[in-house]
Amino acid sequence: MITKLFLEIKNIFAELASTLILGKNKDAAGIAMILSEKTKALAEELGK
């Protein structure tokens, strides 16, 4: 589960970076929210 979350977070970071490079700030905000949710889930998994 933890490995899957790391891979998802890596992909979200890549998507966020490309979105910011393209200047799509509204899209980037949504991606940042998803990233926040995934990192919270990872923290909870690591805390078990």
Protein backbone atom coordinates (compact mmCIF):
# COMPACT_ATOMS: atom_id res chain seq x y z
CA MET A 1 0.00 0.00 0.00
CA ILE A 2 2.79 2.40 0.92
CA THR A 3 4.64 1.75 -2.35
CA LYS A 4 1.45 2.43 -4.30
CA LEU A 5 0.97 5.73 -2.46
CA PHE A 6 4.57 6.76 -3.17
CA LEU A 7 4.07 6.05 -6.88
CA GLU A 8 0.80 7.98 -6.95
CA ILE A 9 2.43 10.95 -5.20
CA LYS A 10 5.35 10.88 -7.64
CA ASN A 11 2.95 10.98 -10.57
CA ILE A 12 0.92 13.80 -9.00
CA PHE A 13 4.10 15.83 -8.46
CA ALA A 14 4.99 15.37 -12.13
CA GLU A 15 1.50 16.41 -13.20
CA LEU A 16 1.59 19.43 -10.90
CA ALA A 17 4.98 20.52 -12.22
CA SER A 18 3.89 20.31 -15.85
CA THR A 19 0.68 22.16 -15.06
CA LEU A 20 2.58 24.96 -13.35
CA ILE A 21 5.07 25.16 -16.23
CA LEU A 22 2.16 25.59 -18.63
CA GLY A 23 0.74 28.35 -16.42
CA LYS A 24 -2.55 26.63 -15.62
CA ASN A 25 -2.84 27.85 -12.06
CA LYS A 26 -6.52 26.93 -11.58
CA ASP A 27 -5.77 23.33 -12.60
CA ALA A 28 -2.69 23.34 -10.36
CA ALA A 29 -4.79 24.21 -7.32
CA GLY A 30 -6.94 21.12 -7.84
CA ILE A 31 -3.89 18.92 -8.32
CA ALA A 32 -2.35 20.37 -5.14
CA MET A 33 -5.47 19.38 -3.22
CA ILE A 34 -5.21 15.82 -4.52
CA LEU A 35 -1.53 15.78 -3.57
CA SER A 36 -2.44 16.93 -0.07
CA GLU A 37 -4.96 14.12 0.32
CA LYS A 38 -2.49 11.50 -0.91
CA THR A 39 0.31 12.70 1.37
CA LYS A 40 -2.10 12.64 4.32
CA ALA A 41 -3.00 9.04 3.46
CA LEU A 42 0.69 8.16 3.21
CA ALA A 43 1.40 9.74 6.60
CA GLU A 44 -1.44 7.73 8.14
CA GLU A 45 -0.09 4.51 6.62
CA LEU A 46 3.43 5.24 7.84
CA GLY A 47 2.07 6.01 11.31
CA LYS A 48 0.58 2.55 11.71
